[in-house]
Amino acid sequence: TTDGGANWASAIVPGAEALDFRDVDAFDADTAYLLSIG
């Protein structure tokens, strides 16, 4: 979200449809890390 949660955009990381992203660390509207478990 870039508007305080009034709108959330959801999507799937290409090629990661079977993964479970248990962690996300973000730094701005552009930069973020995702960690999948397993």
PDB file of all heavy atoms in Angstrom:
ATOM      1  N   THR A   1       0.844  -1.189   0.000  1.00  0.00           N
ATOM      2  CA  THR A   1       0.000   0.000   0.000  1.00  0.00           C
ATOM      3  C   THR A   1       0.881   1.240   0.000  1.00  0.00           C
ATOM      4  O   THR A   1       1.960   1.245   0.610  1.00  0.00           O
ATOM      5  CB  THR A   1      -0.946   0.045   1.214  1.00  0.00           C
ATOM      6  OG1 THR A   1      -1.773   1.222   1.118  1.00  0.00           O
ATOM      7  CG2 THR A   1      -0.180   0.087   2.527  1.00  0.00           C
ATOM      8  N   THR A   2       0.437   2.267  -0.676  1.00  0.00           N
ATOM      9  CA  THR A   2       1.156   3.547  -0.692  1.00  0.00           C
ATOM     10  C   THR A   2       0.252   4.681  -0.244  1.00  0.00           C
ATOM     11  O   THR A   2       0.619   5.853  -0.374  1.00  0.00           O
ATOM     12  CB  THR A   2       1.716   3.843  -2.099  1.00  0.00           C
ATOM     13  OG1 THR A   2       0.642   3.865  -3.044  1.00  0.00           O
ATOM     14  CG2 THR A   2       2.749   2.800  -2.503  1.00  0.00           C
ATOM     15  N   ASP A   3      -0.939   4.331   0.256  1.00  0.00           N
ATOM     16  CA  ASP A   3      -1.873   5.366   0.704  1.00  0.00           C
ATOM     17  C   ASP A   3      -2.438   5.065   2.091  1.00  0.00           C
ATOM     18  O   ASP A   3      -3.594   5.341   2.385  1.00  0.00           O
ATOM     19  CB  ASP A   3      -3.008   5.540  -0.309  1.00  0.00           C
ATOM     20  CG  ASP A   3      -3.774   4.238  -0.575  1.00  0.00           C
ATOM     21  OD1 ASP A   3      -3.570   3.260   0.183  1.00  0.00           O
ATOM     22  OD2 ASP A   3      -4.557   4.210  -1.536  1.00  0.00           O
ATOM     23  N   GLY A   4      -1.590   4.468   2.945  1.00  0.00           N
ATOM     24  CA  GLY A   4      -2.001   4.203   4.316  1.00  0.00           C
ATOM     25  C   GLY A   4      -2.946   3.038   4.477  1.00  0.00           C
ATOM     26  O   GLY A   4      -3.543   2.872   5.545  1.00  0.00           O
ATOM     27  N   GLY A   5      -3.101   2.239   3.433  1.00  0.00           N
ATOM     28  CA  GLY A   5      -3.964   1.072   3.519  1.00  0.00           C
ATOM     29  C   GLY A   5      -5.352   1.276   2.953  1.00  0.00           C
ATOM     30  O   GLY A   5      -6.169   0.351   2.973  1.00  0.00           O
ATOM     31  N   ALA A   6      -5.629   2.461   2.444  1.00  0.00           N
ATOM     32  CA  ALA A   6      -6.925   2.667   1.787  1.00  0.00           C
ATOM     33  C   ALA A   6      -7.060   1.715   0.612  1.00  0.00           C
ATOM     34  O   ALA A   6      -8.154   1.227   0.309  1.00  0.00           O
ATOM     35  CB  ALA A   6      -7.052   4.116   1.324  1.00  0.00           C
ATOM     36  N   ASN A   7      -5.920   1.451  -0.028  1.00  0.00           N
ATOM     37  CA  ASN A   7      -5.887   0.495  -1.127  1.00  0.00           C
ATOM     38  C   ASN A   7      -4.642  -0.375  -0.984  1.00  0.00           C
ATOM     39  O   ASN A   7      -3.541   0.132  -0.774  1.00  0.00           O
ATOM     40  CB  ASN A   7      -5.829   1.220  -2.478  1.00  0.00           C
ATOM     41  CG  ASN A   7      -7.076   2.032  -2.757  1.00  0.00           C
ATOM     42  OD1 ASN A   7      -8.094   1.499  -3.181  1.00  0.00           O
ATOM     43  ND2 ASN A   7      -7.006   3.337  -2.488  1.00  0.00           N
ATOM     44  N   TRP A   8      -4.835  -1.686  -1.097  1.00  0.00           N
ATOM     45  CA  TRP A   8      -3.741  -2.647  -1.099  1.00  0.00           C
ATOM     46  C   TRP A   8      -3.701  -3.336  -2.459  1.00  0.00           C
ATOM     47  O   TRP A   8      -4.737  -3.790  -2.951  1.00  0.00           O
ATOM     48  CB  TRP A   8      -3.931  -3.705  -0.016  1.00  0.00           C
ATOM     49  CG  TRP A   8      -3.623  -3.222   1.371  1.00  0.00           C
ATOM     50  CD1 TRP A   8      -4.486  -2.614   2.234  1.00  0.00           C
ATOM     51  CD2 TRP A   8      -2.371  -3.324   2.053  1.00  0.00           C
ATOM     52  NE1 TRP A   8      -3.849  -2.325   3.417  1.00  0.00           N
ATOM     53  CE2 TRP A   8      -2.549  -2.752   3.334  1.00  0.00           C
ATOM     54  CE3 TRP A   8      -1.130  -3.850   1.708  1.00  0.00           C
ATOM     55  CZ2 TRP A   8      -1.518  -2.691   4.262  1.00  0.00           C
ATOM     56  CZ3 TRP A   8      -0.109  -3.782   2.645  1.00  0.00           C
ATOM     57  CH2 TRP A   8      -0.301  -3.204   3.898  1.00  0.00           C
ATOM     58  N   ALA A   9      -2.524  -3.403  -3.040  1.00  0.00           N
ATOM     59  CA  ALA A   9      -2.336  -4.131  -4.296  1.00  0.00           C
ATOM     60  C   ALA A   9      -1.663  -5.454  -3.978  1.00  0.00           C
ATOM     61  O   ALA A   9      -0.597  -5.480  -3.351  1.00  0.00           O
ATOM     62  CB  ALA A   9      -1.478  -3.323  -5.260  1.00  0.00           C
ATOM     63  N   SER A  10      -2.284  -6.565  -4.384  1.00  0.00           N
ATOM     64  CA  SER A  10      -1.707  -7.879  -4.133  1.00  0.00           C
ATOM     65  C   SER A  10      -1.306  -8.525  -5.445  1.00  0.00           C
ATOM     66  O   SER A  10      -1.948  -8.317  -6.481  1.00  0.00           O
ATOM     67  CB  SER A  10      -2.708  -8.777  -3.397  1.00  0.00           C
ATOM     68  OG  SER A  10      -3.839  -9.028  -4.195  1.00  0.00           O
ATOM     69  N   ALA A  11      -0.237  -9.315  -5.408  1.00  0.00           N
ATOM     70  CA  ALA A  11       0.259 -10.001  -6.602  1.00  0.00           C
ATOM     71  C   ALA A  11       1.053 -11.220  -6.165  1.00  0.00           C
ATOM     72  O   ALA A  11       1.258 -11.455  -4.963  1.00  0.00           O
ATOM     73  CB  ALA A  11       1.117  -9.062  -7.447  1.00  0.00           C
ATOM     74  N   ILE A  12       1.509 -11.995  -7.142  1.00  0.00           N
ATOM     75  CA  ILE A  12       2.301 -13.191  -6.888  1.00  0.00           C
ATOM     76  C   ILE A  12       3.664 -13.040  -7.554  1.00  0.00           C
ATOM     77  O   ILE A  12       3.753 -12.604  -8.704  1.00  0.00           O
ATOM     78  CB  ILE A  12       1.585 -14.438  -7.443  1.00  0.00           C
ATOM     79  CG1 ILE A  12       0.257 -14.644  -6.700  1.00  0.00           C
ATOM     80  CG2 ILE A  12       2.463 -15.681  -7.302  1.00  0.00           C
ATOM     81  CD1 ILE A  12      -0.590 -15.765  -7.274  1.00  0.00           C
ATOM     82  N   VAL A  13       4.711 -13.372  -6.818  1.00  0.00           N
ATOM     83  CA  VAL A  13       6.060 -13.331  -7.384  1.00  0.00           C
ATOM     84  C   VAL A  13       6.159 -14.391  -8.474  1.00  0.00           C
ATOM     85  O   VAL A  13       5.885 -15.582  -8.212  1.00  0.00           O
ATOM     86  CB  VAL A  13       7.127 -13.577  -6.302  1.00  0.00           C
ATOM     87  CG1 VAL A  13       8.513 -13.637  -6.930  1.00  0.00           C
ATOM     88  CG2 VAL A  13       7.065 -12.496  -5.227  1.00  0.00           C
ATOM     89  N   PRO A  14       6.518 -14.023  -9.703  1.00  0.00           N
ATOM     90  CA  PRO A  14       6.600 -15.003 -10.793  1.00  0.00           C
ATOM     91  C   PRO A  14       7.531 -16.163 -10.445  1.00  0.00           C
ATOM     92  O   PRO A  14       8.654 -15.956  -9.965  1.00  0.00           O
ATOM     93  CB  PRO A  14       7.159 -14.174 -11.954  1.00  0.00           C
ATOM     94  CG  PRO A  14       6.722 -12.776 -11.661  1.00  0.00           C
ATOM     95  CD  PRO A  14       6.807 -12.651 -10.165  1.00  0.00           C
ATOM     96  N   GLY A  15       7.031 -17.375 -10.656  1.00  0.00           N
ATOM     97  CA  GLY A  15       7.827 -18.561 -10.372  1.00  0.00           C
ATOM     98  C   GLY A  15       7.832 -18.980  -8.920  1.00  0.00           C
ATOM     99  O   GLY A  15       8.458 -19.978  -8.562  1.00  0.00           O
ATOM    100  N   ALA A  16       7.142 -18.226  -8.053  1.00  0.00           N
ATOM    101  CA  ALA A  16       7.136 -18.527  -6.621  1.00  0.00           C
ATOM    102  C   ALA A  16       5.742 -18.906  -6.126  1.00  0.00           C
ATOM    103  O   ALA A  16       5.456 -18.812  -4.942  1.00  0.00           O
ATOM    104  CB  ALA A  16       7.659 -17.324  -5.841  1.00  0.00           C
ATOM    105  N   GLU A  17       4.901 -19.347  -7.025  1.00  0.00           N
ATOM    106  CA  GLU A  17       3.510 -19.636  -6.678  1.00  0.00           C
ATOM    107  C   GLU A  17       3.361 -20.696  -5.582  1.00  0.00           C
ATOM    108  O   GLU A  17       2.362 -20.699  -4.853  1.00  0.00           O
ATOM    109  CB  GLU A  17       2.755 -20.085  -7.931  1.00  0.00           C
ATOM    110  CG  GLU A  17       2.638 -19.036  -9.011  1.00  0.00           C
ATOM    111  CD  GLU A  17       3.860 -18.950  -9.915  1.00  0.00           C
ATOM    112  OE1 GLU A  17       4.850 -19.699  -9.669  1.00  0.00           O
ATOM    113  OE2 GLU A  17       3.829 -18.153 -10.873  1.00  0.00           O
ATOM    114  N   ALA A  18       4.334 -21.574  -5.452  1.00  0.00           N
ATOM    115  CA  ALA A  18       4.255 -22.649  -4.465  1.00  0.00           C
ATOM    116  C   ALA A  18       4.964 -22.304  -3.155  1.00  0.00           C
ATOM    117  O   ALA A  18       5.000 -23.130  -2.239  1.00  0.00           O
ATOM    118  CB  ALA A  18       4.849 -23.936  -5.041  1.00  0.00           C
ATOM    119  N   LEU A  19       5.501 -21.101  -3.060  1.00  0.00           N
ATOM    120  CA  LEU A  19       6.286 -20.726  -1.887  1.00  0.00           C
ATOM    121  C   LEU A  19       5.434 -20.003  -0.844  1.00  0.00           C
ATOM    122  O   LEU A  19       4.420 -19.382  -1.159  1.00  0.00           O
ATOM    123  CB  LEU A  19       7.451 -19.842  -2.300  1.00  0.00           C
ATOM    124  CG  LEU A  19       8.470 -20.463  -3.253  1.00  0.00           C
ATOM    125  CD1 LEU A  19       9.594 -19.477  -3.552  1.00  0.00           C
ATOM    126  CD2 LEU A  19       9.038 -21.766  -2.679  1.00  0.00           C
ATOM    127  N   ASP A  20       5.883 -20.097   0.398  1.00  0.00           N
ATOM    128  CA  ASP A  20       5.205 -19.449   1.524  1.00  0.00           C
ATOM    129  C   ASP A  20       6.120 -18.350   2.056  1.00  0.00           C
ATOM    130  O   ASP A  20       7.125 -18.622   2.716  1.00  0.00           O
ATOM    131  CB  ASP A  20       4.928 -20.486   2.616  1.00  0.00           C
ATOM    132  CG  ASP A  20       4.000 -19.959   3.703  1.00  0.00           C
ATOM    133  OD1 ASP A  20       3.689 -18.755   3.692  1.00  0.00           O
ATOM    134  OD2 ASP A  20       3.598 -20.761   4.577  1.00  0.00           O
ATOM    135  N   PHE A  21       5.766 -17.091   1.765  1.00  0.00           N
ATOM    136  CA  PHE A  21       6.575 -15.952   2.196  1.00  0.00           C
ATOM    137  C   PHE A  21       6.177 -15.568   3.616  1.00  0.00           C
ATOM    138  O   PHE A  21       5.237 -14.814   3.840  1.00  0.00           O
ATOM    139  CB  PHE A  21       6.404 -14.775   1.241  1.00  0.00           C
ATOM    140  CG  PHE A  21       7.050 -14.979  -0.106  1.00  0.00           C
ATOM    141  CD1 PHE A  21       6.296 -14.935  -1.268  1.00  0.00           C
ATOM    142  CD2 PHE A  21       8.414 -15.217  -0.200  1.00  0.00           C
ATOM    143  CE1 PHE A  21       6.890 -15.127  -2.510  1.00  0.00           C
ATOM    144  CE2 PHE A  21       9.015 -15.419  -1.433  1.00  0.00           C
ATOM    145  CZ  PHE A  21       8.258 -15.370  -2.596  1.00  0.00           C
ATOM    146  N   ARG A  22       6.954 -16.053   4.585  1.00  0.00           N
ATOM    147  CA  ARG A  22       6.661 -15.802   5.995  1.00  0.00           C
ATOM    148  C   ARG A  22       7.254 -14.489   6.506  1.00  0.00           C
ATOM    149  O   ARG A  22       6.985 -14.094   7.634  1.00  0.00           O
ATOM    150  CB  ARG A  22       7.189 -16.966   6.851  1.00  0.00           C
ATOM    151  CG  ARG A  22       6.468 -18.287   6.642  1.00  0.00           C
ATOM    152  CD  ARG A  22       5.039 -18.237   7.174  1.00  0.00           C
ATOM    153  NE  ARG A  22       4.347 -19.503   6.968  1.00  0.00           N
ATOM    154  CZ  ARG A  22       4.299 -20.480   7.872  1.00  0.00           C
ATOM    155  NH1 ARG A  22       4.921 -20.346   9.021  1.00  0.00           N
ATOM    156  NH2 ARG A  22       3.630 -21.586   7.601  1.00  0.00           N
ATOM    157  N   ASP A  23       8.078 -13.832   5.687  1.00  0.00           N
ATOM    158  CA  ASP A  23       8.713 -12.600   6.159  1.00  0.00           C
ATOM    159  C   ASP A  23       8.885 -11.627   5.010  1.00  0.00           C
ATOM    160  O   ASP A  23       9.194 -12.013   3.879  1.00  0.00           O
ATOM    161  CB  ASP A  23      10.082 -12.923   6.775  1.00  0.00           C
ATOM    162  CG  ASP A  23      10.620 -11.786   7.641  1.00  0.00           C
ATOM    163  OD1 ASP A  23       9.914 -10.764   7.790  1.00  0.00           O
ATOM    164  OD2 ASP A  23      11.729 -11.931   8.173  1.00  0.00           O
ATOM    165  N   VAL A  24       8.672 -10.340   5.310  1.00  0.00           N
ATOM    166  CA  VAL A  24       8.940  -9.261   4.372  1.00  0.00           C
ATOM    167  C   VAL A  24       9.589  -8.122   5.147  1.00  0.00           C
ATOM    168  O   VAL A  24       9.177  -7.789   6.251  1.00  0.00           O
ATOM    169  CB  VAL A  24       7.642  -8.780   3.669  1.00  0.00           C
ATOM    170  CG1 VAL A  24       6.584  -8.350   4.676  1.00  0.00           C
ATOM    171  CG2 VAL A  24       7.945  -7.650   2.697  1.00  0.00           C
ATOM    172  N   ASP A  25      10.651  -7.555   4.590  1.00  0.00           N
ATOM    173  CA  ASP A  25      11.321  -6.389   5.156  1.00  0.00           C
ATOM    174  C   ASP A  25      11.397  -5.325   4.074  1.00  0.00           C
ATOM    175  O   ASP A  25      12.002  -5.547   3.027  1.00  0.00           O
ATOM    176  CB  ASP A  25      12.726  -6.736   5.650  1.00  0.00           C
ATOM    177  CG  ASP A  25      12.702  -7.430   7.000  1.00  0.00           C
ATOM    178  OD1 ASP A  25      12.047  -8.483   7.086  1.00  0.00           O
ATOM    179  OD2 ASP A  25      13.319  -6.926   7.939  1.00  0.00           O
ATOM    180  N   ALA A  26      10.770  -4.188   4.312  1.00  0.00           N
ATOM    181  CA  ALA A  26      10.693  -3.129   3.309  1.00  0.00           C
ATOM    182  C   ALA A  26      11.326  -1.844   3.826  1.00  0.00           C
ATOM    183  O   ALA A  26      11.407  -1.608   5.036  1.00  0.00           O
ATOM    184  CB  ALA A  26       9.242  -2.874   2.934  1.00  0.00           C
ATOM    185  N   PHE A  27      11.754  -0.998   2.874  1.00  0.00           N
ATOM    186  CA  PHE A  27      12.448   0.237   3.233  1.00  0.00           C
ATOM    187  C   PHE A  27      11.827   1.478   2.616  1.00  0.00           C
ATOM    188  O   PHE A  27      12.048   2.584   3.089  1.00  0.00           O
ATOM    189  CB  PHE A  27      13.930   0.127   2.855  1.00  0.00           C
ATOM    190  CG  PHE A  27      14.622  -0.955   3.618  1.00  0.00           C
ATOM    191  CD1 PHE A  27      14.686  -2.249   3.124  1.00  0.00           C
ATOM    192  CD2 PHE A  27      15.151  -0.702   4.873  1.00  0.00           C
ATOM    193  CE1 PHE A  27      15.279  -3.265   3.848  1.00  0.00           C
ATOM    194  CE2 PHE A  27      15.749  -1.713   5.609  1.00  0.00           C
ATOM    195  CZ  PHE A  27      15.819  -2.997   5.097  1.00  0.00           C
ATOM    196  N   ASP A  28      11.061   1.305   1.572  1.00  0.00           N
ATOM    197  CA  ASP A  28      10.318   2.401   0.961  1.00  0.00           C
ATOM    198  C   ASP A  28       9.282   1.789   0.032  1.00  0.00           C
ATOM    199  O   ASP A  28       9.061   0.575   0.056  1.00  0.00           O
ATOM    200  CB  ASP A  28      11.247   3.372   0.218  1.00  0.00           C
ATOM    201  CG  ASP A  28      12.184   2.685  -0.761  1.00  0.00           C
ATOM    202  OD1 ASP A  28      11.708   1.797  -1.504  1.00  0.00           O
ATOM    203  OD2 ASP A  28      13.386   3.022  -0.785  1.00  0.00           O
ATOM    204  N   ALA A  29       8.655   2.610  -0.776  1.00  0.00           N
ATOM    205  CA  ALA A  29       7.611   2.108  -1.665  1.00  0.00           C
ATOM    206  C   ALA A  29       8.162   1.229  -2.774  1.00  0.00           C
ATOM    207  O   ALA A  29       7.405   0.489  -3.414  1.00  0.00           O
ATOM    208  CB  ALA A  29       6.848   3.286  -2.264  1.00  0.00           C
ATOM    209  N   ASP A  30       9.470   1.280  -2.998  1.00  0.00           N
ATOM    210  CA  ASP A  30      10.082   0.524  -4.088  1.00  0.00           C
ATOM    211  C   ASP A  30      10.888  -0.687  -3.632  1.00  0.00           C
ATOM    212  O   ASP A  30      10.972  -1.681  -4.351  1.00  0.00           O
ATOM    213  CB  ASP A  30      11.003   1.436  -4.910  1.00  0.00           C
ATOM    214  CG  ASP A  30      10.243   2.532  -5.626  1.00  0.00           C
ATOM    215  OD1 ASP A  30       9.146   2.250  -6.132  1.00  0.00           O
ATOM    216  OD2 ASP A  30      10.745   3.673  -5.667  1.00  0.00           O
ATOM    217  N   THR A  31      11.498  -0.608  -2.453  1.00  0.00           N
ATOM    218  CA  THR A  31      12.480  -1.603  -2.030  1.00  0.00           C
ATOM    219  C   THR A  31      11.956  -2.519  -0.938  1.00  0.00           C
ATOM    220  O   THR A  31      11.524  -2.056   0.122  1.00  0.00           O
ATOM    221  CB  THR A  31      13.756  -0.905  -1.527  1.00  0.00           C
ATOM    222  OG1 THR A  31      14.205   0.030  -2.508  1.00  0.00           O
ATOM    223  CG2 THR A  31      14.848  -1.921  -1.248  1.00  0.00           C
ATOM    224  N   ALA A  32      11.997  -3.825  -1.197  1.00  0.00           N
ATOM    225  CA  ALA A  32      11.544  -4.803  -0.206  1.00  0.00           C
ATOM    226  C   ALA A  32      12.216  -6.143  -0.456  1.00  0.00           C
ATOM    227  O   ALA A  32      12.573  -6.483  -1.584  1.00  0.00           O
ATOM    228  CB  ALA A  32      10.029  -4.959  -0.252  1.00  0.00           C
ATOM    229  N   TYR A  33      12.380  -6.905   0.630  1.00  0.00           N
ATOM    230  CA  TYR A  33      12.890  -8.276   0.583  1.00  0.00           C
ATOM    231  C   TYR A  33      11.782  -9.224   1.018  1.00  0.00           C
ATOM    232  O   TYR A  33      11.001  -8.916   1.926  1.00  0.00           O
ATOM    233  CB  TYR A  33      14.065  -8.464   1.537  1.00  0.00           C
ATOM    234  CG  TYR A  33      15.317  -7.683   1.227  1.00  0.00           C
ATOM    235  CD1 TYR A  33      15.446  -6.347   1.619  1.00  0.00           C
ATOM    236  CD2 TYR A  33      16.401  -8.289   0.590  1.00  0.00           C
ATOM    237  CE1 TYR A  33      16.615  -5.636   1.364  1.00  0.00           C
ATOM    238  CE2 TYR A  33      17.567  -7.593   0.338  1.00  0.00           C
ATOM    239  CZ  TYR A  33      17.670  -6.254   0.728  1.00  0.00           C
ATOM    240  OH  TYR A  33      18.817  -5.558   0.471  1.00  0.00           O
ATOM    241  N   LEU A  34      11.728 -10.403   0.421  1.00  0.00           N
ATOM    242  CA  LEU A  34      10.813 -11.465   0.810  1.00  0.00           C
ATOM    243  C   LEU A  34      11.610 -12.712   1.153  1.00  0.00           C
ATOM    244  O   LEU A  34      12.570 -13.045   0.451  1.00  0.00           O
ATOM    245  CB  LEU A  34       9.848 -11.811  -0.322  1.00  0.00           C
ATOM    246  CG  LEU A  34       8.789 -10.789  -0.711  1.00  0.00           C
ATOM    247  CD1 LEU A  34       8.097 -11.220  -2.000  1.00  0.00           C
ATOM    248  CD2 LEU A  34       7.762 -10.605   0.404  1.00  0.00           C
ATOM    249  N   LEU A  35      11.220 -13.411   2.220  1.00  0.00           N
ATOM    250  CA  LEU A  35      11.845 -14.681   2.582  1.00  0.00           C
ATOM    251  C   LEU A  35      10.783 -15.765   2.606  1.00  0.00           C
ATOM    252  O   LEU A  35       9.748 -15.626   3.263  1.00  0.00           O
ATOM    253  CB  LEU A  35      12.528 -14.587   3.941  1.00  0.00           C
ATOM    254  CG  LEU A  35      13.212 -15.873   4.436  1.00  0.00           C
ATOM    255  CD1 LEU A  35      14.517 -15.567   5.166  1.00  0.00           C
ATOM    256  CD2 LEU A  35      12.284 -16.682   5.375  1.00  0.00           C
ATOM    257  N   SER A  36      11.044 -16.850   1.864  1.00  0.00           N
ATOM    258  CA  SER A  36      10.149 -18.007   1.888  1.00  0.00           C
ATOM    259  C   SER A  36      10.766 -19.098   2.748  1.00  0.00           C
ATOM    260  O   SER A  36      11.986 -19.206   2.865  1.00  0.00           O
ATOM    261  CB  SER A  36       9.903 -18.530   0.473  1.00  0.00           C
ATOM    262  OG  SER A  36      11.098 -19.024  -0.112  1.00  0.00           O
ATOM    263  N   ILE A  37       9.896 -19.899   3.348  1.00  0.00           N
ATOM    264  CA  ILE A  37      10.368 -20.946   4.255  1.00  0.00           C
ATOM    265  C   ILE A  37      10.272 -22.313   3.583  1.00  0.00           C
ATOM    266  O   ILE A  37       9.638 -22.475   2.539  1.00  0.00           O
ATOM    267  CB  ILE A  37       9.548 -20.962   5.551  1.00  0.00           C
ATOM    268  CG1 ILE A  37       8.087 -21.360   5.245  1.00  0.00           C
ATOM    269  CG2 ILE A  37       9.624 -19.629   6.253  1.00  0.00           C
ATOM    270  CD1 ILE A  37       7.299 -21.787   6.457  1.00  0.00           C
ATOM    271  N   GLY A  38      10.919 -23.289   4.205  1.00  0.00           N
ATOM    272  CA  GLY A  38      10.836 -24.655   3.726  1.00  0.00           C
ATOM    273  C   GLY A  38      12.189 -25.333   3.703  1.00  0.00           C
ATOM    274  O   GLY A  38      13.234 -24.687   3.780  1.00  0.00           O
TER     275      GLY A  38
END
